[in-house]
């Protein structure tokens, strides 16, 4: 009985150590912000807009880091760049949703009409492409041939 308790406590300690390592894993915020600006084409000179972009990148990075808690460190390290690109794409998608929520649906001038909503659809495609790149960590993707 004592041997079983000792074995279980060792397993718990090992799990706690592994979890602490993964929890301490942080995505590179500067790299995420840099990639975000490449995707969005935003102007960094507008301080209010830059603050919004930085906040969206921070929120996306935190969300992904929380999702990584139960993943193996080797898996995370092998695709850290892809995770940072995913965070940037997610922040860009949220920016387009924010912009569309505050802009008119359609603007017409001199017979030319521009519709809102197209940018977020394209940003969502980018986000999904970046998510596919990290699907191996989540065990997503691929095909299953067989019976369920």
C-alpha atoms as a PDB file:
ATOM      1  CA  UNK A   1       0.000   0.000   0.000  1.00  0.00           C
ATOM      2  CA  UNK A   2       2.823   2.413   0.919  1.00  0.00           C
ATOM      3  CA  UNK A   3       4.564   1.616  -2.383  1.00  0.00           C
ATOM      4  CA  UNK A   4       1.395   2.512  -4.311  1.00  0.00           C
ATOM      5  CA  UNK A   5       1.031   5.825  -2.475  1.00  0.00           C
ATOM      6  CA  UNK A   6       4.692   6.665  -3.130  1.00  0.00           C
ATOM      7  CA  UNK A   7       4.323   5.787  -6.821  1.00  0.00           C
ATOM      8  CA  UNK A   8       1.191   7.937  -7.118  1.00  0.00           C
ATOM      9  CA  UNK A   9       2.855  10.873  -5.371  1.00  0.00           C
ATOM     10  CA  UNK A  10       5.851  10.600  -7.738  1.00  0.00           C
ATOM     11  CA  UNK A  11       3.518  10.630 -10.717  1.00  0.00           C
ATOM     12  CA  UNK A  12       1.749  13.688  -9.351  1.00  0.00           C
ATOM     13  CA  UNK A  13       5.084  15.450  -8.802  1.00  0.00           C
ATOM     14  CA  UNK A  14       6.254  14.616 -12.319  1.00  0.00           C
ATOM     15  CA  UNK A  15       2.960  15.841 -13.754  1.00  0.00           C
ATOM     16  CA  UNK A  16       3.173  19.055 -11.706  1.00  0.00           C
ATOM     17  CA  UNK A  17       6.733  19.690 -12.942  1.00  0.00           C
ATOM     18  CA  UNK A  18       5.751  19.063 -16.553  1.00  0.00           C
ATOM     19  CA  UNK A  19       2.756  21.346 -16.190  1.00  0.00           C
ATOM     20  CA  UNK A  20       4.915  24.088 -14.666  1.00  0.00           C
ATOM     21  CA  UNK A  21       7.332  23.876 -17.599  1.00  0.00           C
ATOM     22  CA  UNK A  22       4.520  24.218 -20.121  1.00  0.00           C
ATOM     23  CA  UNK A  23       2.812  26.971 -18.136  1.00  0.00           C
ATOM     24  CA  UNK A  24       6.048  28.929 -18.072  1.00  0.00           C
ATOM     25  CA  UNK A  25       6.240  28.683 -21.863  1.00  0.00           C
ATOM     26  CA  UNK A  26       5.452  32.112 -23.241  1.00  0.00           C
ATOM     27  CA  UNK A  27       4.981  33.153 -26.798  1.00  0.00           C
ATOM     28  CA  UNK A  28       7.167  36.003 -28.012  1.00  0.00           C
ATOM     29  CA  UNK A  29       4.905  39.066 -27.815  1.00  0.00           C
ATOM     30  CA  UNK A  30       7.173  41.217 -29.990  1.00  0.00           C
ATOM     31  CA  UNK A  31       7.234  38.572 -32.712  1.00  0.00           C
ATOM     32  CA  UNK A  32       3.437  38.273 -32.566  1.00  0.00           C
ATOM     33  CA  UNK A  33       3.036  42.052 -32.839  1.00  0.00           C
ATOM     34  CA  UNK A  34       5.536  42.204 -35.723  1.00  0.00           C
ATOM     35  CA  UNK A  35       3.657  39.456 -37.599  1.00  0.00           C
ATOM     36  CA  UNK A  36       0.339  41.146 -36.811  1.00  0.00           C
ATOM     37  CA  UNK A  37       1.525  44.378 -38.456  1.00  0.00           C
ATOM     38  CA  UNK A  38       2.612  42.407 -41.530  1.00  0.00           C
ATOM     39  CA  UNK A  39      -0.836  40.811 -41.807  1.00  0.00           C
ATOM     40  CA  UNK A  40      -2.863  43.930 -41.074  1.00  0.00           C
ATOM     41  CA  UNK A  41      -0.863  46.690 -42.737  1.00  0.00           C
ATOM     42  CA  UNK A  42      -1.773  48.907 -39.774  1.00  0.00           C
ATOM     43  CA  UNK A  43       0.071  52.170 -39.154  1.00  0.00           C
ATOM     44  CA  UNK A  44       2.093  52.046 -35.934  1.00  0.00           C
ATOM     45  CA  UNK A  45       2.155  55.845 -35.652  1.00  0.00           C
ATOM     46  CA  UNK A  46      -1.493  56.111 -34.537  1.00  0.00           C
ATOM     47  CA  UNK A  47      -1.073  55.610 -30.777  1.00  0.00           C
ATOM     48  CA  UNK A  48      -4.714  54.755 -30.014  1.00  0.00           C
ATOM     49  CA  UNK A  49      -4.857  52.218 -32.816  1.00  0.00           C
ATOM     50  CA  UNK A  50      -1.470  50.767 -31.845  1.00  0.00           C
ATOM     51  CA  UNK A  51      -2.708  50.320 -28.265  1.00  0.00           C
ATOM     52  CA  UNK A  52      -5.746  48.418 -29.554  1.00  0.00           C
ATOM     53  CA  UNK A  53      -3.548  46.228 -31.765  1.00  0.00           C
ATOM     54  CA  UNK A  54      -1.157  45.500 -28.892  1.00  0.00           C
ATOM     55  CA  UNK A  55      -4.053  44.576 -26.608  1.00  0.00           C
ATOM     56  CA  UNK A  56      -5.557  42.226 -29.205  1.00  0.00           C
ATOM     57  CA  UNK A  57      -2.174  40.530 -29.693  1.00  0.00           C
ATOM     58  CA  UNK A  58      -1.741  40.157 -25.934  1.00  0.00           C
ATOM     59  CA  UNK A  59      -5.206  38.614 -25.531  1.00  0.00           C
ATOM     60  CA  UNK A  60      -4.594  36.166 -28.367  1.00  0.00           C
ATOM     61  CA  UNK A  61      -1.224  35.127 -26.954  1.00  0.00           C
ATOM     62  CA  UNK A  62      -2.704  34.568 -23.488  1.00  0.00           C
ATOM     63  CA  UNK A  63      -5.558  32.516 -24.917  1.00  0.00           C
ATOM     64  CA  UNK A  64      -3.155  30.249 -26.787  1.00  0.00           C
ATOM     65  CA  UNK A  65      -0.831  29.908 -23.792  1.00  0.00           C
ATOM     66  CA  UNK A  66      -3.758  28.794 -21.617  1.00  0.00           C
ATOM     67  CA  UNK A  67      -4.695  26.217 -24.242  1.00  0.00           C
ATOM     68  CA  UNK A  68      -1.135  24.842 -24.198  1.00  0.00           C
ATOM     69  CA  UNK A  69      -1.166  23.853 -20.528  1.00  0.00           C
ATOM     70  CA  UNK A  70      -1.896  20.185 -21.220  1.00  0.00           C
ATOM     71  CA  UNK A  71       0.407  19.853 -24.227  1.00  0.00           C
ATOM     72  CA  UNK A  72       3.883  18.356 -24.339  1.00  0.00           C
ATOM     73  CA  UNK A  73       6.774  20.808 -24.276  1.00  0.00           C
ATOM     74  CA  UNK A  74       8.457  19.099 -27.253  1.00  0.00           C
ATOM     75  CA  UNK A  75       5.301  19.591 -29.342  1.00  0.00           C
ATOM     76  CA  UNK A  76       5.083  23.239 -28.356  1.00  0.00           C
ATOM     77  CA  UNK A  77       8.751  23.971 -29.025  1.00  0.00           C
ATOM     78  CA  UNK A  78       8.587  22.311 -32.439  1.00  0.00           C
ATOM     79  CA  UNK A  79       5.968  24.732 -33.699  1.00  0.00           C
ATOM     80  CA  UNK A  80       6.431  27.880 -31.627  1.00  0.00           C
ATOM     81  CA  UNK A  81       6.706  30.049 -34.754  1.00  0.00           C
ATOM     82  CA  UNK A  82       3.429  28.651 -36.027  1.00  0.00           C
ATOM     83  CA  UNK A  83       1.791  29.339 -32.652  1.00  0.00           C
ATOM     84  CA  UNK A  84       2.983  32.949 -32.746  1.00  0.00           C
ATOM     85  CA  UNK A  85       1.692  33.340 -36.313  1.00  0.00           C
ATOM     86  CA  UNK A  86      -1.635  31.911 -35.189  1.00  0.00           C
ATOM     87  CA  UNK A  87      -1.809  34.450 -32.343  1.00  0.00           C
ATOM     88  CA  UNK A  88      -1.088  37.293 -34.783  1.00  0.00           C
ATOM     89  CA  UNK A  89      -3.723  36.038 -37.227  1.00  0.00           C
ATOM     90  CA  UNK A  90      -6.273  35.763 -34.438  1.00  0.00           C
ATOM     91  CA  UNK A  91      -5.543  39.309 -33.276  1.00  0.00           C
ATOM     92  CA  UNK A  92      -5.888  40.541 -36.866  1.00  0.00           C
ATOM     93  CA  UNK A  93      -9.231  38.740 -37.205  1.00  0.00           C
ATOM     94  CA  UNK A  94     -10.490  40.366 -33.996  1.00  0.00           C
ATOM     95  CA  UNK A  95      -9.342  43.763 -35.249  1.00  0.00           C
ATOM     96  CA  UNK A  96     -11.343  43.337 -38.458  1.00  0.00           C
ATOM     97  CA  UNK A  97     -14.411  42.319 -36.436  1.00  0.00           C
ATOM     98  CA  UNK A  98     -13.964  45.403 -34.230  1.00  0.00           C
ATOM     99  CA  UNK A  99     -13.617  47.648 -37.281  1.00  0.00           C
ATOM    100  CA  UNK A 100     -16.692  46.169 -38.944  1.00  0.00           C
ATOM    101  CA  UNK A 101     -18.764  46.518 -35.784  1.00  0.00           C
ATOM    102  CA  UNK A 102     -18.116  50.268 -35.727  1.00  0.00           C
ATOM    103  CA  UNK A 103     -18.298  51.001 -39.475  1.00  0.00           C
ATOM    104  CA  UNK A 104     -21.310  51.326 -41.766  1.00  0.00           C
ATOM    105  CA  UNK A 105     -22.192  48.179 -43.723  1.00  0.00           C
ATOM    106  CA  UNK A 106     -22.039  49.917 -47.115  1.00  0.00           C
ATOM    107  CA  UNK A 107     -20.618  53.197 -48.385  1.00  0.00           C
ATOM    108  CA  UNK A 108     -21.596  54.569 -51.792  1.00  0.00           C
ATOM    109  CA  UNK A 109     -19.963  57.567 -53.485  1.00  0.00           C
ATOM    110  CA  UNK A 110     -20.078  58.575 -57.146  1.00  0.00           C
ATOM    111  CA  UNK A 111     -21.649  55.266 -58.125  1.00  0.00           C
ATOM    112  CA  UNK A 112     -18.966  53.219 -56.381  1.00  0.00           C
ATOM    113  CA  UNK A 113     -20.128  51.019 -53.526  1.00  0.00           C
ATOM    114  CA  UNK A 114     -17.928  49.451 -50.879  1.00  0.00           C
ATOM    115  CA  UNK A 115     -19.244  46.754 -48.533  1.00  0.00           C
ATOM    116  CA  UNK A 116     -17.949  45.961 -45.089  1.00  0.00           C
ATOM    117  CA  UNK A 117     -17.465  42.373 -43.978  1.00  0.00           C
ATOM    118  CA  UNK A 118     -15.137  41.169 -46.680  1.00  0.00           C
ATOM    119  CA  UNK A 119     -11.989  41.908 -44.704  1.00  0.00           C
ATOM    120  CA  UNK A 120     -13.062  39.812 -41.709  1.00  0.00           C
ATOM    121  CA  UNK A 121     -13.944  36.915 -44.003  1.00  0.00           C
ATOM    122  CA  UNK A 122     -10.447  37.010 -45.487  1.00  0.00           C
ATOM    123  CA  UNK A 123      -8.898  37.385 -42.031  1.00  0.00           C
ATOM    124  CA  UNK A 124     -10.864  34.335 -40.895  1.00  0.00           C
ATOM    125  CA  UNK A 125      -9.426  32.316 -43.789  1.00  0.00           C
ATOM    126  CA  UNK A 126      -5.929  33.412 -42.723  1.00  0.00           C
ATOM    127  CA  UNK A 127      -6.722  32.440 -39.122  1.00  0.00           C
ATOM    128  CA  UNK A 128      -7.913  28.977 -40.178  1.00  0.00           C
ATOM    129  CA  UNK A 129      -4.789  28.447 -42.293  1.00  0.00           C
ATOM    130  CA  UNK A 130      -2.578  29.325 -39.328  1.00  0.00           C
ATOM    131  CA  UNK A 131      -4.606  27.006 -37.085  1.00  0.00           C
ATOM    132  CA  UNK A 132      -4.044  24.126 -39.520  1.00  0.00           C
ATOM    133  CA  UNK A 133      -0.298  24.642 -39.106  1.00  0.00           C
ATOM    134  CA  UNK A 134      -0.543  23.776 -35.397  1.00  0.00           C
ATOM    135  CA  UNK A 135      -3.166  21.047 -35.699  1.00  0.00           C
ATOM    136  CA  UNK A 136      -0.625  18.386 -34.719  1.00  0.00           C
ATOM    137  CA  UNK A 137      -0.510  19.726 -31.152  1.00  0.00           C
ATOM    138  CA  UNK A 138      -4.268  19.458 -30.818  1.00  0.00           C
ATOM    139  CA  UNK A 139      -4.480  16.138 -32.634  1.00  0.00           C
ATOM    140  CA  UNK A 140      -6.703  17.698 -35.264  1.00  0.00           C
ATOM    141  CA  UNK A 141      -6.690  17.272 -38.970  1.00  0.00           C
ATOM    142  CA  UNK A 142      -5.966  14.294 -41.102  1.00  0.00           C
ATOM    143  CA  UNK A 143      -8.400  11.599 -42.062  1.00  0.00           C
ATOM    144  CA  UNK A 144      -9.748   8.591 -40.293  1.00  0.00           C
ATOM    145  CA  UNK A 145     -10.471   5.545 -42.412  1.00  0.00           C
ATOM    146  CA  UNK A 146     -12.426   2.996 -40.442  1.00  0.00           C
ATOM    147  CA  UNK A 147     -15.483   2.506 -38.337  1.00  0.00           C
ATOM    148  CA  UNK A 148     -16.418   4.616 -35.379  1.00  0.00           C
END
